[in-house]
Amino acid sequence: MLYLPREEGQGLVEYALILVLIAIVVIVILTTLGGVINNVFSNVVSGLGPGN
Protein backbone atom coordinates (compact mmCIF):
# COMPACT_ATOMS: atom_id res chain seq x y z
CA MET A 1 0.00 0.00 0.00
CA LEU A 2 1.29 3.45 -0.87
CA TYR A 3 1.82 6.04 1.80
CA LEU A 4 -0.26 9.16 1.15
CA PRO A 5 0.74 12.12 3.31
CA ARG A 6 -2.00 14.06 5.04
CA GLU A 7 -1.73 17.79 4.43
CA GLU A 8 -4.77 19.15 6.22
CA GLY A 9 -2.79 20.07 9.33
CA GLN A 10 -0.07 21.70 7.26
CA GLY A 11 -2.59 23.89 5.43
CA LEU A 12 -4.15 24.93 8.73
CA VAL A 13 -0.76 25.95 10.11
CA GLU A 14 -0.03 27.96 6.98
CA TYR A 15 -3.34 29.83 7.28
CA ALA A 16 -2.61 30.53 10.95
CA LEU A 17 0.85 31.91 10.09
CA ILE A 18 -0.64 34.17 7.41
CA LEU A 19 -3.25 35.49 9.87
CA VAL A 20 -0.55 36.16 12.48
CA LEU A 21 1.56 38.01 9.90
CA ILE A 22 -1.43 40.15 8.85
CA ALA A 23 -2.21 40.92 12.50
CA ILE A 24 1.38 42.02 13.12
CA VAL A 25 1.34 44.28 10.05
CA VAL A 26 -1.95 45.88 11.11
CA ILE A 27 -0.66 46.48 14.65
CA VAL A 28 2.53 48.08 13.33
CA ILE A 29 0.57 50.34 10.96
CA LEU A 30 -1.87 51.40 13.68
CA THR A 31 0.88 52.17 16.18
CA THR A 32 2.80 54.13 13.55
CA LEU A 33 -0.17 56.12 12.27
CA GLY A 34 -2.16 56.20 15.51
CA GLY A 35 -1.40 59.82 16.28
CA VAL A 36 -2.31 60.97 12.78
CA ILE A 37 -5.58 59.04 12.83
CA ASN A 38 -6.38 60.42 16.29
CA ASN A 39 -5.83 63.99 15.05
CA VAL A 40 -8.09 63.43 12.04
CA PHE A 41 -10.93 62.11 14.19
CA SER A 42 -10.44 64.93 16.70
CA ASN A 43 -10.71 67.49 13.91
CA VAL A 44 -13.87 65.84 12.59
CA VAL A 45 -15.47 65.76 16.05
CA SER A 46 -14.57 69.38 16.74
CA GLY A 47 -15.94 70.36 13.33
CA LEU A 48 -19.24 68.68 14.11
CA GLY A 49 -19.46 70.25 17.56
CA PRO A 50 -22.19 72.66 18.71
CA GLY A 51 -20.07 75.76 18.09
CA ASN A 52 -20.01 75.25 14.32
C-alpha atoms as a PDB file:
ATOM      1  CA  MET A   1       0.000   0.000   0.000  1.00  0.00           C
ATOM      2  CA  LEU A   2       1.291   3.446  -0.872  1.00  0.00           C
ATOM      3  CA  TYR A   3       1.823   6.041   1.803  1.00  0.00           C
ATOM      4  CA  LEU A   4      -0.262   9.156   1.150  1.00  0.00           C
ATOM      5  CA  PRO A   5       0.744  12.125   3.312  1.00  0.00           C
ATOM      6  CA  ARG A   6      -1.996  14.060   5.037  1.00  0.00           C
ATOM      7  CA  GLU A   7      -1.734  17.787   4.426  1.00  0.00           C
ATOM      8  CA  GLU A   8      -4.775  19.149   6.223  1.00  0.00           C
ATOM      9  CA  GLY A   9      -2.786  20.070   9.331  1.00  0.00           C
ATOM     10  CA  GLN A  10      -0.070  21.698   7.255  1.00  0.00           C
ATOM     11  CA  GLY A  11      -2.590  23.885   5.433  1.00  0.00           C
ATOM     12  CA  LEU A  12      -4.150  24.935   8.732  1.00  0.00           C
ATOM     13  CA  VAL A  13      -0.756  25.950  10.114  1.00  0.00           C
ATOM     14  CA  GLU A  14      -0.029  27.962   6.975  1.00  0.00           C
ATOM     15  CA  TYR A  15      -3.341  29.828   7.279  1.00  0.00           C
ATOM     16  CA  ALA A  16      -2.607  30.533  10.949  1.00  0.00           C
ATOM     17  CA  LEU A  17       0.845  31.911  10.086  1.00  0.00           C
ATOM     18  CA  ILE A  18      -0.638  34.170   7.412  1.00  0.00           C
ATOM     19  CA  LEU A  19      -3.245  35.487   9.868  1.00  0.00           C
ATOM     20  CA  VAL A  20      -0.546  36.162  12.475  1.00  0.00           C
ATOM     21  CA  LEU A  21       1.556  38.012   9.895  1.00  0.00           C
ATOM     22  CA  ILE A  22      -1.429  40.146   8.848  1.00  0.00           C
ATOM     23  CA  ALA A  23      -2.213  40.923  12.501  1.00  0.00           C
ATOM     24  CA  ILE A  24       1.384  42.024  13.124  1.00  0.00           C
ATOM     25  CA  VAL A  25       1.343  44.277  10.050  1.00  0.00           C
ATOM     26  CA  VAL A  26      -1.955  45.876  11.113  1.00  0.00           C
ATOM     27  CA  ILE A  27      -0.656  46.478  14.649  1.00  0.00           C
ATOM     28  CA  VAL A  28       2.530  48.082  13.327  1.00  0.00           C
ATOM     29  CA  ILE A  29       0.565  50.338  10.963  1.00  0.00           C
ATOM     30  CA  LEU A  30      -1.871  51.400  13.684  1.00  0.00           C
ATOM     31  CA  THR A  31       0.878  52.173  16.181  1.00  0.00           C
ATOM     32  CA  THR A  32       2.799  54.126  13.547  1.00  0.00           C
ATOM     33  CA  LEU A  33      -0.166  56.123  12.268  1.00  0.00           C
ATOM     34  CA  GLY A  34      -2.156  56.196  15.515  1.00  0.00           C
ATOM     35  CA  GLY A  35      -1.399  59.820  16.276  1.00  0.00           C
ATOM     36  CA  VAL A  36      -2.306  60.972  12.783  1.00  0.00           C
ATOM     37  CA  ILE A  37      -5.575  59.036  12.826  1.00  0.00           C
ATOM     38  CA  ASN A  38      -6.382  60.422  16.289  1.00  0.00           C
ATOM     39  CA  ASN A  39      -5.830  63.988  15.045  1.00  0.00           C
ATOM     40  CA  VAL A  40      -8.089  63.428  12.041  1.00  0.00           C
ATOM     41  CA  PHE A  41     -10.926  62.110  14.192  1.00  0.00           C
ATOM     42  CA  SER A  42     -10.440  64.931  16.702  1.00  0.00           C
ATOM     43  CA  ASN A  43     -10.715  67.494  13.911  1.00  0.00           C
ATOM     44  CA  VAL A  44     -13.871  65.839  12.590  1.00  0.00           C
ATOM     45  CA  VAL A  45     -15.469  65.761  16.051  1.00  0.00           C
ATOM     46  CA  SER A  46     -14.570  69.383  16.738  1.00  0.00           C
ATOM     47  CA  GLY A  47     -15.938  70.364  13.328  1.00  0.00           C
ATOM     48  CA  LEU A  48     -19.243  68.681  14.111  1.00  0.00           C
ATOM     49  CA  GLY A  49     -19.464  70.246  17.561  1.00  0.00           C
ATOM     50  CA  PRO A  50     -22.188  72.664  18.710  1.00  0.00           C
ATOM     51  CA  GLY A  51     -20.067  75.757  18.088  1.00  0.00           C
ATOM     52  CA  ASN A  52     -20.014  75.247  14.323  1.00  0.00           C
END
